Amino acid sequence: AGKTTLNLTLSGLVATRAGQVGFDGQDITGLHSRQVVQHGLIQVPEGRKVFPNLSVHENLELGAFTRGRERKQQNLDKVYETFPR
């Protein structure tokens, strides 16, 4: 059905053959995957494909890594507010 190819294309891991990829009002067509992540578009592993030996907090810290040290705590606070225990 093309779901995997679509996700890989959105993430910048597969080249777009036609058309454009837009995210948050910006054209991200052809960007490297690192640049796509910096725009805020990420993939979240399905099921238990996170780092099983790390705590939930440690996994969230890894997810906040690219947002910069100065915004890390702000991002973690937002996640904990959105998803309270």
N, C-alpha and C. Protein backbone atom coordinates (compact mmCIF):
# COMPACT_ATOMS: atom_id res chain seq x y z
N ALA A 1 0.82 -1.20 0.00
CA ALA A 1 0.00 0.00 0.00
C ALA A 1 0.86 1.26 0.00
N GLY A 2 2.17 1.12 0.23
CA GLY A 2 3.07 2.26 0.14
C GLY A 2 3.29 3.03 1.43
N LYS A 3 2.82 2.49 2.55
CA LYS A 3 2.96 3.22 3.82
C LYS A 3 4.43 3.40 4.21
N THR A 4 5.21 2.36 4.10
CA THR A 4 6.62 2.45 4.47
C THR A 4 7.36 3.42 3.55
N THR A 5 7.11 3.32 2.25
CA THR A 5 7.76 4.22 1.30
C THR A 5 7.37 5.67 1.58
N LEU A 6 6.11 5.91 1.88
CA LEU A 6 5.65 7.25 2.21
C LEU A 6 6.39 7.78 3.44
N ASN A 7 6.46 6.99 4.50
CA ASN A 7 7.16 7.42 5.72
C ASN A 7 8.64 7.67 5.47
N LEU A 8 9.28 6.82 4.69
CA LEU A 8 10.69 7.01 4.38
C LEU A 8 10.90 8.27 3.54
N THR A 9 9.98 8.55 2.63
CA THR A 9 10.08 9.75 1.80
C THR A 9 9.87 11.00 2.65
N LEU A 10 8.86 10.98 3.52
CA LEU A 10 8.62 12.12 4.41
C LEU A 10 9.83 12.40 5.29
N SER A 11 10.52 11.36 5.69
CA SER A 11 11.67 11.49 6.58
C SER A 11 12.97 11.84 5.85
N GLY A 12 12.93 11.90 4.53
CA GLY A 12 14.12 12.24 3.77
C GLY A 12 15.06 11.07 3.55
N LEU A 13 14.56 9.86 3.74
CA LEU A 13 15.39 8.68 3.56
C LEU A 13 15.26 8.07 2.17
N VAL A 14 14.20 8.45 1.46
CA VAL A 14 13.98 8.02 0.08
C VAL A 14 13.69 9.28 -0.72
N ALA A 15 14.31 9.40 -1.89
CA ALA A 15 14.13 10.58 -2.73
C ALA A 15 12.72 10.66 -3.29
N THR A 16 12.20 11.87 -3.36
CA THR A 16 10.88 12.11 -3.95
C THR A 16 11.00 11.99 -5.46
N ARG A 17 10.11 11.24 -6.06
CA ARG A 17 10.16 11.06 -7.51
C ARG A 17 9.33 12.11 -8.24
N ALA A 18 8.32 12.63 -7.58
CA ALA A 18 7.47 13.66 -8.18
C ALA A 18 6.75 14.39 -7.04
N GLY A 19 6.34 15.60 -7.32
CA GLY A 19 5.58 16.35 -6.33
C GLY A 19 6.46 16.98 -5.26
N GLN A 20 5.82 17.44 -4.21
CA GLN A 20 6.51 18.11 -3.12
C GLN A 20 6.09 17.51 -1.79
N VAL A 21 6.96 17.67 -0.81
CA VAL A 21 6.66 17.27 0.56
C VAL A 21 6.61 18.55 1.38
N GLY A 22 5.45 18.80 1.99
CA GLY A 22 5.30 19.98 2.82
C GLY A 22 5.06 19.59 4.26
N PHE A 23 5.61 20.38 5.17
CA PHE A 23 5.41 20.15 6.60
C PHE A 23 5.41 21.49 7.31
N ASP A 24 4.38 21.72 8.09
CA ASP A 24 4.28 22.94 8.89
C ASP A 24 4.44 24.20 8.04
N GLY A 25 3.85 24.17 6.84
CA GLY A 25 3.89 25.32 5.96
C GLY A 25 5.18 25.51 5.19
N GLN A 26 6.10 24.56 5.27
CA GLN A 26 7.38 24.69 4.58
C GLN A 26 7.59 23.51 3.63
N ASP A 27 8.25 23.79 2.53
CA ASP A 27 8.60 22.76 1.56
C ASP A 27 9.86 22.05 2.06
N ILE A 28 9.74 20.77 2.37
CA ILE A 28 10.89 20.00 2.85
C ILE A 28 11.33 18.95 1.84
N THR A 29 10.86 19.09 0.61
CA THR A 29 11.21 18.16 -0.46
C THR A 29 12.72 18.12 -0.65
N GLY A 30 13.29 16.93 -0.64
CA GLY A 30 14.70 16.76 -0.93
C GLY A 30 15.65 17.06 0.22
N LEU A 31 15.12 17.41 1.39
CA LEU A 31 16.01 17.68 2.51
C LEU A 31 16.61 16.38 3.04
N HIS A 32 17.81 16.46 3.57
CA HIS A 32 18.45 15.33 4.24
C HIS A 32 17.65 15.00 5.49
N SER A 33 17.66 13.76 5.90
CA SER A 33 16.87 13.34 7.07
C SER A 33 17.19 14.16 8.31
N ARG A 34 18.44 14.55 8.49
CA ARG A 34 18.82 15.38 9.64
C ARG A 34 18.08 16.72 9.61
N GLN A 35 17.96 17.29 8.41
CA GLN A 35 17.25 18.56 8.27
C GLN A 35 15.76 18.40 8.51
N VAL A 36 15.20 17.28 8.07
CA VAL A 36 13.78 17.01 8.31
C VAL A 36 13.51 16.95 9.81
N VAL A 37 14.37 16.27 10.55
CA VAL A 37 14.24 16.20 12.00
C VAL A 37 14.33 17.58 12.63
N GLN A 38 15.24 18.40 12.15
CA GLN A 38 15.39 19.75 12.69
C GLN A 38 14.14 20.61 12.45
N HIS A 39 13.37 20.27 11.42
CA HIS A 39 12.10 20.96 11.18
C HIS A 39 11.01 20.44 12.12
N GLY A 40 11.28 19.33 12.81
CA GLY A 40 10.32 18.81 13.78
C GLY A 40 9.54 17.59 13.34
N LEU A 41 9.85 17.05 12.17
CA LEU A 41 9.16 15.86 11.69
C LEU A 41 10.02 14.64 12.01
N ILE A 42 9.48 13.74 12.80
CA ILE A 42 10.23 12.56 13.24
C ILE A 42 9.39 11.31 13.06
N GLN A 43 10.02 10.17 13.17
CA GLN A 43 9.32 8.89 13.21
C GLN A 43 9.47 8.32 14.61
N VAL A 44 8.39 7.77 15.11
CA VAL A 44 8.40 7.14 16.42
C VAL A 44 8.29 5.64 16.20
N PRO A 45 9.25 4.87 16.73
CA PRO A 45 9.20 3.42 16.53
C PRO A 45 7.90 2.82 17.07
N GLU A 46 7.40 1.84 16.35
CA GLU A 46 6.18 1.16 16.74
C GLU A 46 6.47 0.11 17.81
N GLY A 47 5.55 -0.07 18.70
CA GLY A 47 5.68 -1.11 19.72
C GLY A 47 6.82 -0.85 20.67
N ARG A 48 7.66 -1.83 20.85
CA ARG A 48 8.74 -1.73 21.83
C ARG A 48 10.11 -1.50 21.18
N LYS A 49 10.12 -0.83 20.05
CA LYS A 49 11.38 -0.61 19.34
C LYS A 49 12.12 0.64 19.82
N VAL A 50 11.89 1.01 21.06
CA VAL A 50 12.68 2.08 21.67
C VAL A 50 13.86 1.41 22.35
N PHE A 51 14.57 2.13 23.19
CA PHE A 51 15.72 1.54 23.87
C PHE A 51 15.23 0.88 25.16
N PRO A 52 15.06 -0.44 25.17
CA PRO A 52 14.41 -1.13 26.29
C PRO A 52 15.19 -1.07 27.60
N ASN A 53 16.48 -0.85 27.54
CA ASN A 53 17.27 -0.81 28.77
C ASN A 53 17.29 0.58 29.42
N LEU A 54 16.66 1.56 28.76
CA LEU A 54 16.60 2.91 29.30
C LEU A 54 15.24 3.17 29.92
N SER A 55 15.21 4.08 30.88
CA SER A 55 13.94 4.47 31.49
C SER A 55 13.14 5.31 30.49
N VAL A 56 11.87 5.53 30.80
CA VAL A 56 11.05 6.40 29.96
C VAL A 56 11.69 7.78 29.87
N HIS A 57 12.14 8.30 31.00
CA HIS A 57 12.78 9.62 31.03
C HIS A 57 14.03 9.65 30.13
N GLU A 58 14.84 8.62 30.20
CA GLU A 58 16.05 8.57 29.37
C GLU A 58 15.71 8.50 27.88
N ASN A 59 14.65 7.76 27.53
CA ASN A 59 14.20 7.72 26.14
C ASN A 59 13.73 9.10 25.68
N LEU A 60 13.01 9.81 26.55
CA LEU A 60 12.54 11.15 26.21
C LEU A 60 13.70 12.12 26.06
N GLU A 61 14.72 11.97 26.90
CA GLU A 61 15.91 12.82 26.77
C GLU A 61 16.58 12.64 25.41
N LEU A 62 16.63 11.40 24.94
CA LEU A 62 17.20 11.14 23.62
C LEU A 62 16.37 11.82 22.54
N GLY A 63 15.06 11.78 22.70
CA GLY A 63 14.18 12.43 21.73
C GLY A 63 14.32 13.94 21.73
N ALA A 64 14.73 14.52 22.85
CA ALA A 64 14.88 15.97 22.96
C ALA A 64 16.27 16.44 22.54
N PHE A 65 17.14 15.52 22.22
CA PHE A 65 18.55 15.82 21.95
C PHE A 65 18.74 16.89 20.88
N THR A 66 18.04 16.77 19.76
CA THR A 66 18.25 17.69 18.65
C THR A 66 17.63 19.06 18.88
N ARG A 67 16.83 19.21 19.93
CA ARG A 67 16.17 20.48 20.20
C ARG A 67 17.10 21.47 20.90
N GLY A 68 18.26 21.03 21.30
CA GLY A 68 19.22 21.92 21.95
C GLY A 68 19.14 21.83 23.46
N ARG A 69 20.29 21.95 24.08
CA ARG A 69 20.36 21.84 25.55
C ARG A 69 19.51 22.87 26.25
N GLU A 70 19.48 24.09 25.71
CA GLU A 70 18.76 25.16 26.38
C GLU A 70 17.24 24.94 26.37
N ARG A 71 16.74 24.17 25.43
CA ARG A 71 15.30 23.90 25.34
C ARG A 71 14.92 22.52 25.85
N LYS A 72 15.91 21.73 26.23
CA LYS A 72 15.65 20.34 26.62
C LYS A 72 14.65 20.25 27.77
N GLN A 73 14.90 20.97 28.86
CA GLN A 73 14.01 20.88 30.01
C GLN A 73 12.61 21.41 29.67
N GLN A 74 12.56 22.46 28.87
CA GLN A 74 11.27 23.01 28.45
C GLN A 74 10.48 21.95 27.67
N ASN A 75 11.15 21.24 26.78
CA ASN A 75 10.49 20.19 26.00
C ASN A 75 10.05 19.03 26.88
N LEU A 76 10.90 18.62 27.82
CA LEU A 76 10.53 17.53 28.72
C LEU A 76 9.34 17.93 29.59
N ASP A 77 9.32 19.16 30.08
CA ASP A 77 8.19 19.64 30.88
C ASP A 77 6.90 19.59 30.09
N LYS A 78 6.97 19.98 28.81
CA LYS A 78 5.79 19.95 27.95
C LYS A 78 5.28 18.52 27.76
N VAL A 79 6.20 17.57 27.55
CA VAL A 79 5.79 16.18 27.38
C VAL A 79 5.12 15.65 28.65
N TYR A 80 5.72 15.94 29.80
CA TYR A 80 5.15 15.45 31.06
C TYR A 80 3.82 16.12 31.37
N GLU A 81 3.63 17.34 30.94
CA GLU A 81 2.34 18.03 31.11
C GLU A 81 1.27 17.42 30.20
N THR A 82 1.68 17.10 28.96
CA THR A 82 0.76 16.52 28.00
C THR A 82 0.39 15.09 28.37
N PHE A 83 1.37 14.34 28.88
CA PHE A 83 1.15 12.93 29.24
C PHE A 83 1.51 12.72 30.71
N PRO A 84 0.66 13.17 31.61
CA PRO A 84 0.99 12.98 33.04
C PRO A 84 0.99 11.50 33.40
N ARG A 85 1.65 11.20 34.47
CA ARG A 85 1.75 9.80 34.90
C ARG A 85 0.38 9.20 35.09
